[in-house]
Amino acid sequence: MITISDAAQKELDAFFDANQDAPKSVRIYLAPGGCCGPALNMALDPATDTDAQEEINGVVYCMAKELFEVTGAISVDISYMGFTITPENPLPSMGGGCSCSGGCGGGCGGGEGGSCCG
């Protein structure tokens, strides 16, 4: 379900080492999009019985089963802009309101190569 790069794992390990009271559960969710449509993001959130879940290195990664059915497997990496989350299947386009030729800021990571406009 989820593949995490060594660099992203190192960053997550450092976060959890520094925040030992934080729940070791990371939710991948579909965030509303800016000009380039929705993107996958991560947040600390406990898994529920209705989630697809996988434990990797002591951290539970979860996402709504309905979202997992759309995205398929997820790859998590990190770049200078933050975590990038790339789905196996492309996210449905919601028709953004700007030209993506100028690029979209932030670390939305919903598209190819970490660009939300991919």
PDB file of N, CA and C in Angstrom:
ATOM      1  N   MET A   1       0.821  -1.197   0.000  1.00  0.00           N
ATOM      2  CA  MET A   1       0.000   0.000   0.000  1.00  0.00           C
ATOM      3  C   MET A   1       0.863   1.258   0.000  1.00  0.00           C
ATOM      4  N   ILE A   2       1.896   1.301   0.855  1.00  0.00           N
ATOM      5  CA  ILE A   2       2.701   2.511   0.987  1.00  0.00           C
ATOM      6  C   ILE A   2       4.179   2.169   0.862  1.00  0.00           C
ATOM      7  N   THR A   3       4.896   2.974   0.100  1.00  0.00           N
ATOM      8  CA  THR A   3       6.341   2.882  -0.005  1.00  0.00           C
ATOM      9  C   THR A   3       6.909   4.205   0.494  1.00  0.00           C
ATOM     10  N   ILE A   4       7.887   4.136   1.375  1.00  0.00           N
ATOM     11  CA  ILE A   4       8.491   5.344   1.935  1.00  0.00           C
ATOM     12  C   ILE A   4       9.973   5.337   1.598  1.00  0.00           C
ATOM     13  N   SER A   5      10.442   6.422   1.013  1.00  0.00           N
ATOM     14  CA  SER A   5      11.867   6.512   0.671  1.00  0.00           C
ATOM     15  C   SER A   5      12.694   6.575   1.955  1.00  0.00           C
ATOM     16  N   ASP A   6      13.963   6.234   1.831  1.00  0.00           N
ATOM     17  CA  ASP A   6      14.858   6.295   2.985  1.00  0.00           C
ATOM     18  C   ASP A   6      14.939   7.710   3.546  1.00  0.00           C
ATOM     19  N   ALA A   7      14.983   8.701   2.666  1.00  0.00           N
ATOM     20  CA  ALA A   7      15.073  10.099   3.109  1.00  0.00           C
ATOM     21  C   ALA A   7      13.816  10.518   3.877  1.00  0.00           C
ATOM     22  N   ALA A   8      12.642  10.137   3.379  1.00  0.00           N
ATOM     23  CA  ALA A   8      11.399  10.469   4.071  1.00  0.00           C
ATOM     24  C   ALA A   8      11.325   9.735   5.405  1.00  0.00           C
ATOM     25  N   GLN A   9      11.752   8.476   5.433  1.00  0.00           N
ATOM     26  CA  GLN A   9      11.741   7.702   6.684  1.00  0.00           C
ATOM     27  C   GLN A   9      12.653   8.356   7.716  1.00  0.00           C
ATOM     28  N   LYS A  10      13.816   8.812   7.287  1.00  0.00           N
ATOM     29  CA  LYS A  10      14.754   9.467   8.194  1.00  0.00           C
ATOM     30  C   LYS A  10      14.123  10.725   8.797  1.00  0.00           C
ATOM     31  N   GLU A  11      13.433  11.502   7.983  1.00  0.00           N
ATOM     32  CA  GLU A  11      12.782  12.724   8.463  1.00  0.00           C
ATOM     33  C   GLU A  11      11.650  12.396   9.445  1.00  0.00           C
ATOM     34  N   LEU A  12      10.861  11.383   9.129  1.00  0.00           N
ATOM     35  CA  LEU A  12       9.780  10.979  10.033  1.00  0.00           C
ATOM     36  C   LEU A  12      10.342  10.439  11.345  1.00  0.00           C
ATOM     37  N   ASP A  13      11.401   9.641  11.276  1.00  0.00           N
ATOM     38  CA  ASP A  13      12.034   9.128  12.489  1.00  0.00           C
ATOM     39  C   ASP A  13      12.519  10.276  13.371  1.00  0.00           C
ATOM     40  N   ALA A  14      13.132  11.281  12.774  1.00  0.00           N
ATOM     41  CA  ALA A  14      13.619  12.432  13.534  1.00  0.00           C
ATOM     42  C   ALA A  14      12.453  13.172  14.191  1.00  0.00           C
ATOM     43  N   PHE A  15      11.340  13.313  13.464  1.00  0.00           N
ATOM     44  CA  PHE A  15      10.168  13.977  14.037  1.00  0.00           C
ATOM     45  C   PHE A  15       9.649  13.202  15.248  1.00  0.00           C
ATOM     46  N   PHE A  16       9.455  11.905  15.096  1.00  0.00           N
ATOM     47  CA  PHE A  16       8.909  11.113  16.194  1.00  0.00           C
ATOM     48  C   PHE A  16       9.888  11.005  17.363  1.00  0.00           C
ATOM     49  N   ASP A  17      11.194  11.018  17.105  1.00  0.00           N
ATOM     50  CA  ASP A  17      12.176  11.020  18.189  1.00  0.00           C
ATOM     51  C   ASP A  17      12.084  12.311  18.997  1.00  0.00           C
ATOM     52  N   ALA A  18      11.860  13.434  18.315  1.00  0.00           N
ATOM     53  CA  ALA A  18      11.764  14.733  18.973  1.00  0.00           C
ATOM     54  C   ALA A  18      10.390  14.972  19.601  1.00  0.00           C
ATOM     55  N   ASN A  19       9.391  14.236  19.175  1.00  0.00           N
ATOM     56  CA  ASN A  19       8.011  14.419  19.654  1.00  0.00           C
ATOM     57  C   ASN A  19       7.456  13.078  20.124  1.00  0.00           C
ATOM     58  N   GLN A  20       8.039  12.563  21.183  1.00  0.00           N
ATOM     59  CA  GLN A  20       7.695  11.218  21.622  1.00  0.00           C
ATOM     60  C   GLN A  20       6.266  11.068  22.119  1.00  0.00           C
ATOM     61  N   ASP A  21       5.598  12.175  22.431  1.00  0.00           N
ATOM     62  CA  ASP A  21       4.196  12.111  22.848  1.00  0.00           C
ATOM     63  C   ASP A  21       3.241  12.107  21.658  1.00  0.00           C
ATOM     64  N   ALA A  22       3.757  12.366  20.474  1.00  0.00           N
ATOM     65  CA  ALA A  22       2.902  12.397  19.282  1.00  0.00           C
ATOM     66  C   ALA A  22       2.439  10.986  18.947  1.00  0.00           C
ATOM     67  N   PRO A  23       1.177  10.852  18.545  1.00  0.00           N
ATOM     68  CA  PRO A  23       0.709   9.517  18.139  1.00  0.00           C
ATOM     69  C   PRO A  23       1.468   9.062  16.896  1.00  0.00           C
ATOM     70  N   LYS A  24       1.884   7.824  16.879  1.00  0.00           N
ATOM     71  CA  LYS A  24       2.622   7.306  15.726  1.00  0.00           C
ATOM     72  C   LYS A  24       1.648   6.772  14.691  1.00  0.00           C
ATOM     73  N   SER A  25       0.794   7.674  14.236  1.00  0.00           N
ATOM     74  CA  SER A  25      -0.192   7.345  13.225  1.00  0.00           C
ATOM     75  C   SER A  25      -0.283   8.516  12.254  1.00  0.00           C
ATOM     76  N   VAL A  26      -0.006   8.244  10.996  1.00  0.00           N
ATOM     77  CA  VAL A  26       0.001   9.278   9.965  1.00  0.00           C
ATOM     78  C   VAL A  26      -1.116   8.988   8.977  1.00  0.00           C
ATOM     79  N   ARG A  27      -1.998   9.974   8.798  1.00  0.00           N
ATOM     80  CA  ARG A  27      -3.093   9.846   7.841  1.00  0.00           C
ATOM     81  C   ARG A  27      -2.704  10.519   6.527  1.00  0.00           C
ATOM     82  N   ILE A  28      -2.945   9.827   5.441  1.00  0.00           N
ATOM     83  CA  ILE A  28      -2.807  10.414   4.111  1.00  0.00           C
ATOM     84  C   ILE A  28      -4.216  10.754   3.658  1.00  0.00           C
ATOM     85  N   TYR A  29      -4.407  12.007   3.271  1.00  0.00           N
ATOM     86  CA  TYR A  29      -5.752  12.461   2.936  1.00  0.00           C
ATOM     87  C   TYR A  29      -5.719  13.360   1.700  1.00  0.00           C
ATOM     88  N   LEU A  30      -6.876  13.537   1.128  1.00  0.00           N
ATOM     89  CA  LEU A  30      -7.021  14.387  -0.045  1.00  0.00           C
ATOM     90  C   LEU A  30      -7.358  15.792   0.424  1.00  0.00           C
ATOM     91  N   ALA A  31      -6.438  16.713   0.209  1.00  0.00           N
ATOM     92  CA  ALA A  31      -6.638  18.106   0.611  1.00  0.00           C
ATOM     93  C   ALA A  31      -7.246  18.876  -0.548  1.00  0.00           C
ATOM     94  N   PRO A  32      -8.116  19.825  -0.227  1.00  0.00           N
ATOM     95  CA  PRO A  32      -8.676  20.653  -1.301  1.00  0.00           C
ATOM     96  C   PRO A  32      -7.551  21.338  -2.057  1.00  0.00           C
ATOM     97  N   GLY A  33      -7.713  21.457  -3.347  1.00  0.00           N
ATOM     98  CA  GLY A  33      -6.651  22.015  -4.168  1.00  0.00           C
ATOM     99  C   GLY A  33      -6.731  23.524  -4.293  1.00  0.00           C
ATOM    100  N   GLY A  34      -5.605  24.097  -4.583  1.00  0.00           N
ATOM    101  CA  GLY A  34      -5.543  25.506  -4.940  1.00  0.00           C
ATOM    102  C   GLY A  34      -5.797  25.602  -6.432  1.00  0.00           C
ATOM    103  N   CYS A  35      -4.902  26.265  -7.100  1.00  0.00           N
ATOM    104  CA  CYS A  35      -5.102  26.464  -8.538  1.00  0.00           C
ATOM    105  C   CYS A  35      -4.954  25.176  -9.332  1.00  0.00           C
ATOM    106  N   CYS A  36      -4.315  24.169  -8.769  1.00  0.00           N
ATOM    107  CA  CYS A  36      -4.032  22.960  -9.531  1.00  0.00           C
ATOM    108  C   CYS A  36      -4.852  21.752  -9.097  1.00  0.00           C
ATOM    109  N   GLY A  37      -5.867  21.968  -8.309  1.00  0.00           N
ATOM    110  CA  GLY A  37      -6.725  20.868  -7.901  1.00  0.00           C
ATOM    111  C   GLY A  37      -6.271  20.207  -6.623  1.00  0.00           C
ATOM    112  N   PRO A  38      -6.931  19.106  -6.252  1.00  0.00           N
ATOM    113  CA  PRO A  38      -6.639  18.450  -4.978  1.00  0.00           C
ATOM    114  C   PRO A  38      -5.266  17.796  -4.975  1.00  0.00           C
ATOM    115  N   ALA A  39      -4.745  17.605  -3.767  1.00  0.00           N
ATOM    116  CA  ALA A  39      -3.435  16.980  -3.599  1.00  0.00           C
ATOM    117  C   ALA A  39      -3.469  16.092  -2.364  1.00  0.00           C
ATOM    118  N   LEU A  40      -2.601  15.113  -2.324  1.00  0.00           N
ATOM    119  CA  LEU A  40      -2.475  14.261  -1.156  1.00  0.00           C
ATOM    120  C   LEU A  40      -1.550  14.919  -0.144  1.00  0.00           C
ATOM    121  N   ASN A  41      -1.956  14.893   1.121  1.00  0.00           N
ATOM    122  CA  ASN A  41      -1.169  15.445   2.216  1.00  0.00           C
ATOM    123  C   ASN A  41      -1.133  14.447   3.354  1.00  0.00           C
ATOM    124  N   MET A  42      -0.344  14.753   4.388  1.00  0.00           N
ATOM    125  CA  MET A  42      -0.228  13.894   5.563  1.00  0.00           C
ATOM    126  C   MET A  42      -0.497  14.713   6.813  1.00  0.00           C
ATOM    127  N   ALA A  43      -1.058  14.041   7.829  1.00  0.00           N
ATOM    128  CA  ALA A  43      -1.289  14.661   9.127  1.00  0.00           C
ATOM    129  C   ALA A  43      -1.248  13.574  10.190  1.00  0.00           C
ATOM    130  N   LEU A  44      -0.938  13.972  11.417  1.00  0.00           N
ATOM    131  CA  LEU A  44      -1.009  13.032  12.526  1.00  0.00           C
ATOM    132  C   LEU A  44      -2.474  12.803  12.854  1.00  0.00           C
ATOM    133  N   ASP A  45      -2.908  11.557  12.789  1.00  0.00           N
ATOM    134  CA  ASP A  45      -4.307  11.244  13.060  1.00  0.00           C
ATOM    135  C   ASP A  45      -4.415   9.736  13.268  1.00  0.00           C
ATOM    136  N   PRO A  46      -5.128   9.309  14.307  1.00  0.00           N
ATOM    137  CA  PRO A  46      -5.244   7.866  14.537  1.00  0.00           C
ATOM    138  C   PRO A  46      -6.064   7.166  13.464  1.00  0.00           C
ATOM    139  N   ALA A  47      -5.682   5.939  13.185  1.00  0.00           N
ATOM    140  CA  ALA A  47      -6.409   5.119  12.218  1.00  0.00           C
ATOM    141  C   ALA A  47      -7.725   4.655  12.832  1.00  0.00           C
ATOM    142  N   THR A  48      -8.700   4.390  11.971  1.00  0.00           N
ATOM    143  CA  THR A  48      -9.984   3.852  12.407  1.00  0.00           C
ATOM    144  C   THR A  48     -10.207   2.510  11.715  1.00  0.00           C
ATOM    145  N   ASP A  49     -11.240   1.827  12.135  1.00  0.00           N
ATOM    146  CA  ASP A  49     -11.566   0.530  11.539  1.00  0.00           C
ATOM    147  C   ASP A  49     -11.969   0.638  10.079  1.00  0.00           C
ATOM    148  N   THR A  50     -12.360   1.828   9.654  1.00  0.00           N
ATOM    149  CA  THR A  50     -12.803   1.997   8.269  1.00  0.00           C
ATOM    150  C   THR A  50     -11.680   2.441   7.342  1.00  0.00           C
ATOM    151  N   ASP A  51     -10.449   2.495   7.844  1.00  0.00           N
ATOM    152  CA  ASP A  51      -9.304   2.929   7.046  1.00  0.00           C
ATOM    153  C   ASP A  51      -8.524   1.746   6.493  1.00  0.00           C
ATOM    154  N   ALA A  52      -7.884   1.970   5.352  1.00  0.00           N
ATOM    155  CA  ALA A  52      -6.823   1.083   4.894  1.00  0.00           C
ATOM    156  C   ALA A  52      -5.606   1.478   5.724  1.00  0.00           C
ATOM    157  N   GLN A  53      -4.878   0.511   6.267  1.00  0.00           N
ATOM    158  CA  GLN A  53      -3.755   0.826   7.141  1.00  0.00           C
ATOM    159  C   GLN A  53      -2.578  -0.107   6.900  1.00  0.00           C
ATOM    160  N   GLU A  54      -1.409   0.429   7.184  1.00  0.00           N
ATOM    161  CA  GLU A  54      -0.180  -0.371   7.097  1.00  0.00           C
ATOM    162  C   GLU A  54       0.807   0.176   8.118  1.00  0.00           C
ATOM    163  N   GLU A  55       1.472  -0.712   8.841  1.00  0.00           N
ATOM    164  CA  GLU A  55       2.489  -0.300   9.795  1.00  0.00           C
ATOM    165  C   GLU A  55       3.862  -0.471   9.175  1.00  0.00           C
ATOM    166  N   ILE A  56       4.657   0.596   9.230  1.00  0.00           N
ATOM    167  CA  ILE A  56       6.014   0.585   8.707  1.00  0.00           C
ATOM    168  C   ILE A  56       6.920   1.202   9.767  1.00  0.00           C
ATOM    169  N   ASN A  57       7.909   0.447  10.217  1.00  0.00           N
ATOM    170  CA  ASN A  57       8.878   0.925  11.212  1.00  0.00           C
ATOM    171  C   ASN A  57       8.197   1.539  12.438  1.00  0.00           C
ATOM    172  N   GLY A  58       7.137   0.909  12.913  1.00  0.00           N
ATOM    173  CA  GLY A  58       6.471   1.360  14.128  1.00  0.00           C
ATOM    174  C   GLY A  58       5.483   2.495  13.946  1.00  0.00           C
ATOM    175  N   VAL A  59       5.277   2.947  12.732  1.00  0.00           N
ATOM    176  CA  VAL A  59       4.319   4.020  12.448  1.00  0.00           C
ATOM    177  C   VAL A  59       3.181   3.442  11.623  1.00  0.00           C
ATOM    178  N   VAL A  60       1.946   3.725  12.035  1.00  0.00           N
ATOM    179  CA  VAL A  60       0.775   3.278  11.289  1.00  0.00           C
ATOM    180  C   VAL A  60       0.419   4.365  10.271  1.00  0.00           C
ATOM    181  N   TYR A  61       0.370   3.990   9.006  1.00  0.00           N
ATOM    182  CA  TYR A  61      -0.059   4.883   7.930  1.00  0.00           C
ATOM    183  C   TYR A  61      -1.472   4.465   7.555  1.00  0.00           C
ATOM    184  N   CYS A  62      -2.357   5.426   7.441  1.00  0.00           N
ATOM    185  CA  CYS A  62      -3.741   5.102   7.141  1.00  0.00           C
ATOM    186  C   CYS A  62      -4.320   6.092   6.145  1.00  0.00           C
ATOM    187  N   MET A  63      -5.374   5.643   5.485  1.00  0.00           N
ATOM    188  CA  MET A  63      -6.136   6.520   4.599  1.00  0.00           C
ATOM    189  C   MET A  63      -7.515   5.906   4.425  1.00  0.00           C
ATOM    190  N   ALA A  64      -8.475   6.721   4.103  1.00  0.00           N
ATOM    191  CA  ALA A  64      -9.831   6.230   3.887  1.00  0.00           C
ATOM    192  C   ALA A  64      -9.807   5.163   2.794  1.00  0.00           C
ATOM    193  N   LYS A  65     -10.515   4.074   3.023  1.00  0.00           N
ATOM    194  CA  LYS A  65     -10.528   2.982   2.040  1.00  0.00           C
ATOM    195  C   LYS A  65     -11.006   3.469   0.677  1.00  0.00           C
ATOM    196  N   GLU A  66     -11.976   4.384   0.663  1.00  0.00           N
ATOM    197  CA  GLU A  66     -12.484   4.905  -0.607  1.00  0.00           C
ATOM    198  C   GLU A  66     -11.402   5.659  -1.367  1.00  0.00           C
ATOM    199  N   LEU A  67     -10.566   6.406  -0.648  1.00  0.00           N
ATOM    200  CA  LEU A  67      -9.467   7.123  -1.285  1.00  0.00           C
ATOM    201  C   LEU A  67      -8.425   6.143  -1.800  1.00  0.00           C
ATOM    202  N   PHE A  68      -8.111   5.117  -1.011  1.00  0.00           N
ATOM    203  CA  PHE A  68      -7.140   4.115  -1.437  1.00  0.00           C
ATOM    204  C   PHE A  68      -7.605   3.416  -2.708  1.00  0.00           C
ATOM    205  N   GLU A  69      -8.904   3.167  -2.844  1.00  0.00           N
ATOM    206  CA  GLU A  69      -9.434   2.534  -4.058  1.00  0.00           C
ATOM    207  C   GLU A  69      -9.183   3.395  -5.288  1.00  0.00           C
ATOM    208  N   VAL A  70      -9.167   4.710  -5.108  1.00  0.00           N
ATOM    209  CA  VAL A  70      -8.922   5.634  -6.221  1.00  0.00           C
ATOM    210  C   VAL A  70      -7.429   5.768  -6.502  1.00  0.00           C
ATOM    211  N   THR A  71      -6.628   5.927  -5.452  1.00  0.00           N
ATOM    212  CA  THR A  71      -5.203   6.222  -5.641  1.00  0.00           C
ATOM    213  C   THR A  71      -4.353   4.991  -5.903  1.00  0.00           C
ATOM    214  N   GLY A  72      -4.741   3.855  -5.367  1.00  0.00           N
ATOM    215  CA  GLY A  72      -3.862   2.691  -5.408  1.00  0.00           C
ATOM    216  C   GLY A  72      -2.697   2.915  -4.463  1.00  0.00           C
ATOM    217  N   ALA A  73      -1.600   2.248  -4.712  1.00  0.00           N
ATOM    218  CA  ALA A  73      -0.425   2.363  -3.842  1.00  0.00           C
ATOM    219  C   ALA A  73       0.063   3.812  -3.785  1.00  0.00           C
ATOM    220  N   ILE A  74       0.708   4.155  -2.669  1.00  0.00           N
ATOM    221  CA  ILE A  74       1.199   5.510  -2.425  1.00  0.00           C
ATOM    222  C   ILE A  74       2.711   5.450  -2.211  1.00  0.00           C
ATOM    223  N   SER A  75       3.435   6.410  -2.796  1.00  0.00           N
ATOM    224  CA  SER A  75       4.868   6.564  -2.536  1.00  0.00           C
ATOM    225  C   SER A  75       5.090   7.882  -1.814  1.00  0.00           C
ATOM    226  N   VAL A  76       5.831   7.835  -0.710  1.00  0.00           N
ATOM    227  CA  VAL A  76       6.139   9.035   0.066  1.00  0.00           C
ATOM    228  C   VAL A  76       7.626   9.297  -0.048  1.00  0.00           C
ATOM    229  N   ASP A  77       7.965  10.524  -0.396  1.00  0.00           N
ATOM    230  CA  ASP A  77       9.360  10.941  -0.498  1.00  0.00           C
ATOM    231  C   ASP A  77       9.457  12.324   0.128  1.00  0.00           C
ATOM    232  N   ILE A  78      10.624  12.907   0.092  1.00  0.00           N
ATOM    233  CA  ILE A  78      10.808  14.254   0.618  1.00  0.00           C
ATOM    234  C   ILE A  78      11.690  15.031  -0.342  1.00  0.00           C
ATOM    235  N   SER A  79      11.404  16.318  -0.467  1.00  0.00           N
ATOM    236  CA  SER A  79      12.199  17.207  -1.309  1.00  0.00           C
ATOM    237  C   SER A  79      12.445  18.479  -0.515  1.00  0.00           C
ATOM    238  N   TYR A  80      13.064  19.442  -1.125  1.00  0.00           N
ATOM    239  CA  TYR A  80      13.317  20.713  -0.447  1.00  0.00           C
ATOM    240  C   TYR A  80      12.019  21.428  -0.092  1.00  0.00           C
ATOM    241  N   MET A  81      10.905  21.036  -0.713  1.00  0.00           N
ATOM    242  CA  MET A  81       9.608  21.663  -0.434  1.00  0.00           C
ATOM    243  C   MET A  81       8.800  20.902   0.614  1.00  0.00           C
ATOM    244  N   GLY A  82       9.284  19.782   1.088  1.00  0.00           N
ATOM    245  CA  GLY A  82       8.558  18.995   2.073  1.00  0.00           C
ATOM    246  C   GLY A  82       8.257  17.609   1.533  1.00  0.00           C
ATOM    247  N   PHE A  83       7.337  16.928   2.173  1.00  0.00           N
ATOM    248  CA  PHE A  83       6.972  15.584   1.748  1.00  0.00           C
ATOM    249  C   PHE A  83       6.217  15.629   0.425  1.00  0.00           C
ATOM    250  N   THR A  84       6.500  14.678  -0.418  1.00  0.00           N
ATOM    251  CA  THR A  84       5.758  14.521  -1.663  1.00  0.00           C
ATOM    252  C   THR A  84       5.072  13.160  -1.607  1.00  0.00           C
ATOM    253  N   ILE A  85       3.818  13.138  -1.961  1.00  0.00           N
ATOM    254  CA  ILE A  85       3.019  11.923  -1.906  1.00  0.00           C
ATOM    255  C   ILE A  85       2.498  11.672  -3.311  1.00  0.00           C
ATOM    256  N   THR A  86       2.932  10.570  -3.888  1.00  0.00           N
ATOM    257  CA  THR A  86       2.601  10.269  -5.270  1.00  0.00           C
ATOM    258  C   THR A  86       1.729   9.016  -5.315  1.00  0.00           C
ATOM    259  N   PRO A  87       0.522   9.141  -5.864  1.00  0.00           N
ATOM    260  CA  PRO A  87      -0.341   7.965  -5.982  1.00  0.00           C
ATOM    261  C   PRO A  87       0.018   7.134  -7.209  1.00  0.00           C
ATOM    262  N   GLU A  88      -0.278   5.853  -7.143  1.00  0.00           N
ATOM    263  CA  GLU A  88      -0.090   4.955  -8.281  1.00  0.00           C
ATOM    264  C   GLU A  88      -0.997   5.374  -9.435  1.00  0.00           C
ATOM    265  N   ASN A  89      -2.228   5.726  -9.109  1.00  0.00           N
ATOM    266  CA  ASN A  89      -3.200   6.177 -10.109  1.00  0.00           C
ATOM    267  C   ASN A  89      -3.366   7.683  -9.991  1.00  0.00           C
ATOM    268  N   PRO A  90      -3.493   8.392 -11.093  1.00  0.00           N
ATOM    269  CA  PRO A  90      -3.624   9.853 -11.019  1.00  0.00           C
ATOM    270  C   PRO A  90      -4.901  10.259 -10.285  1.00  0.00           C
ATOM    271  N   LEU A  91      -4.792  11.371  -9.574  1.00  0.00           N
ATOM    272  CA  LEU A  91      -5.965  11.930  -8.907  1.00  0.00           C
ATOM    273  C   LEU A  91      -6.898  12.517  -9.955  1.00  0.00           C
ATOM    274  N   PRO A  92      -8.195  12.479  -9.705  1.00  0.00           N
ATOM    275  CA  PRO A  92      -9.119  13.086 -10.660  1.00  0.00           C
ATOM    276  C   PRO A  92      -8.894  14.591 -10.731  1.00  0.00           C
ATOM    277  N   SER A  93      -8.919  15.138 -11.930  1.00  0.00           N
ATOM    278  CA  SER A  93      -8.732  16.575 -12.113  1.00  0.00           C
ATOM    279  C   SER A  93     -10.006  17.304 -11.731  1.00  0.00           C
ATOM    280  N   MET A  94      -9.831  18.382 -11.000  1.00  0.00           N
ATOM    281  CA  MET A  94     -10.978  19.171 -10.585  1.00  0.00           C
ATOM    282  C   MET A  94     -11.044  20.493 -11.342  1.00  0.00           C
ATOM    283  N   GLY A  95     -10.172  20.686 -12.317  1.00  0.00           N
ATOM    284  CA  GLY A  95     -10.211  21.913 -13.117  1.00  0.00           C
ATOM    285  C   GLY A  95      -9.800  23.134 -12.340  1.00  0.00           C
ATOM    286  N   GLY A  96      -8.522  23.327 -12.154  1.00  0.00           N
ATOM    287  CA  GLY A  96      -8.015  24.467 -11.399  1.00  0.00           C
ATOM    288  C   GLY A  96      -8.285  25.783 -12.099  1.00  0.00           C
ATOM    289  N   GLY A  97      -8.068  26.871 -11.361  1.00  0.00           N
ATOM    290  CA  GLY A  97      -8.397  28.182 -11.883  1.00  0.00           C
ATOM    291  C   GLY A  97      -7.208  28.995 -12.325  1.00  0.00           C
ATOM    292  N   CYS A  98      -6.044  28.394 -12.550  1.00  0.00           N
ATOM    293  CA  CYS A  98      -4.901  29.173 -13.000  1.00  0.00           C
ATOM    294  C   CYS A  98      -4.110  28.357 -13.997  1.00  0.00           C
ATOM    295  N   SER A  99      -3.188  29.014 -14.629  1.00  0.00           N
ATOM    296  CA  SER A  99      -2.274  28.311 -15.515  1.00  0.00           C
ATOM    297  C   SER A  99      -1.179  27.697 -14.675  1.00  0.00           C
ATOM    298  N   CYS A 100      -0.912  26.441 -14.877  1.00  0.00           N
ATOM    299  CA  CYS A 100       0.110  25.771 -14.084  1.00  0.00           C
ATOM    300  C   CYS A 100       1.489  25.902 -14.705  1.00  0.00           C
ATOM    301  N   SER A 101       1.616  26.663 -15.757  1.00  0.00           N
ATOM    302  CA  SER A 101       2.937  26.805 -16.370  1.00  0.00           C
ATOM    303  C   SER A 101       3.897  27.531 -15.449  1.00  0.00           C
ATOM    304  N   GLY A 102       3.365  28.349 -14.548  1.00  0.00           N
ATOM    305  CA  GLY A 102       4.211  29.061 -13.598  1.00  0.00           C
ATOM    306  C   GLY A 102       4.544  28.228 -12.383  1.00  0.00           C
ATOM    307  N   GLY A 103       3.980  27.065 -12.289  1.00  0.00           N
ATOM    308  CA  GLY A 103       4.237  26.195 -11.146  1.00  0.00           C
ATOM    309  C   GLY A 103       3.332  26.528  -9.987  1.00  0.00           C
ATOM    310  N   CYS A 104       3.203  25.602  -9.114  1.00  0.00           N
ATOM    311  CA  CYS A 104       2.381  25.781  -7.923  1.00  0.00           C
ATOM    312  C   CYS A 104       3.279  25.617  -6.721  1.00  0.00           C
ATOM    313  N   GLY A 105       3.261  26.576  -5.839  1.00  0.00           N
ATOM    314  CA  GLY A 105       4.094  26.519  -4.652  1.00  0.00           C
ATOM    315  C   GLY A 105       3.593  25.488  -3.667  1.00  0.00           C
ATOM    316  N   GLY A 106       4.336  25.329  -2.593  1.00  0.00           N
ATOM    317  CA  GLY A 106       3.955  24.375  -1.557  1.00  0.00           C
ATOM    318  C   GLY A 106       4.462  22.992  -1.876  1.00  0.00           C
ATOM    319  N   GLY A 107       4.198  22.097  -0.980  1.00  0.00           N
ATOM    320  CA  GLY A 107       4.677  20.731  -1.143  1.00  0.00           C
ATOM    321  C   GLY A 107       3.540  19.773  -1.403  1.00  0.00           C
ATOM    322  N   CYS A 108       2.646  20.141  -2.290  1.00  0.00           N
ATOM    323  CA  CYS A 108       1.426  19.360  -2.440  1.00  0.00           C
ATOM    324  C   CYS A 108       1.670  17.955  -2.929  1.00  0.00           C
ATOM    325  N   GLY A 109       2.649  17.718  -3.733  1.00  0.00           N
ATOM    326  CA  GLY A 109       3.067  16.373  -4.070  1.00  0.00           C
ATOM    327  C   GLY A 109       2.037  15.467  -4.696  1.00  0.00           C
ATOM    328  N   GLY A 110       0.964  15.986  -5.227  1.00  0.00           N
ATOM    329  CA  GLY A 110      -0.038  15.119  -5.814  1.00  0.00           C
ATOM    330  C   GLY A 110       0.275  14.691  -7.226  1.00  0.00           C
ATOM    331  N   GLY A 111       1.246  15.335  -7.857  1.00  0.00           N
ATOM    332  CA  GLY A 111       1.531  14.997  -9.253  1.00  0.00           C
ATOM    333  C   GLY A 111       2.894  14.361  -9.411  1.00  0.00           C
ATOM    334  N   GLU A 112       3.286  14.171 -10.626  1.00  0.00           N
ATOM    335  CA  GLU A 112       4.563  13.544 -10.915  1.00  0.00           C
ATOM    336  C   GLU A 112       5.715  14.411 -10.427  1.00  0.00           C
ATOM    337  N   GLY A 113       6.709  13.782  -9.879  1.00  0.00           N
ATOM    338  CA  GLY A 113       7.923  14.487  -9.485  1.00  0.00           C
ATOM    339  C   GLY A 113       7.729  15.528  -8.400  1.00  0.00           C
ATOM    340  N   GLY A 114       6.636  15.449  -7.639  1.00  0.00           N
ATOM    341  CA  GLY A 114       6.426  16.381  -6.551  1.00  0.00           C
ATOM    342  C   GLY A 114       5.757  17.665  -6.974  1.00  0.00           C
ATOM    343  N   SER A 115       5.459  17.832  -8.219  1.00  0.00           N
ATOM    344  CA  SER A 115       4.785  19.039  -8.660  1.00  0.00           C
ATOM    345  C   SER A 115       3.296  18.818  -8.685  1.00  0.00           C
ATOM    346  N   CYS A 116       2.553  19.746  -8.097  1.00  0.00           N
ATOM    347  CA  CYS A 116       1.112  19.541  -8.045  1.00  0.00           C
ATOM    348  C   CYS A 116       0.485  19.719  -9.422  1.00  0.00           C
ATOM    349  N   CYS A 117       1.214  20.234 -10.336  1.00  0.00           N
ATOM    350  CA  CYS A 117       0.669  20.444 -11.679  1.00  0.00           C
ATOM    351  C   CYS A 117       1.079  19.346 -12.634  1.00  0.00           C
ATOM    352  N   GLY A 118       1.867  18.365 -12.161  1.00  0.00           N
ATOM    353  CA  GLY A 118       2.421  17.297 -12.973  1.00  0.00           C
ATOM    354  C   GLY A 118       1.512  16.839 -14.016  1.00  0.00           C
TER     355      GLY A 118
END
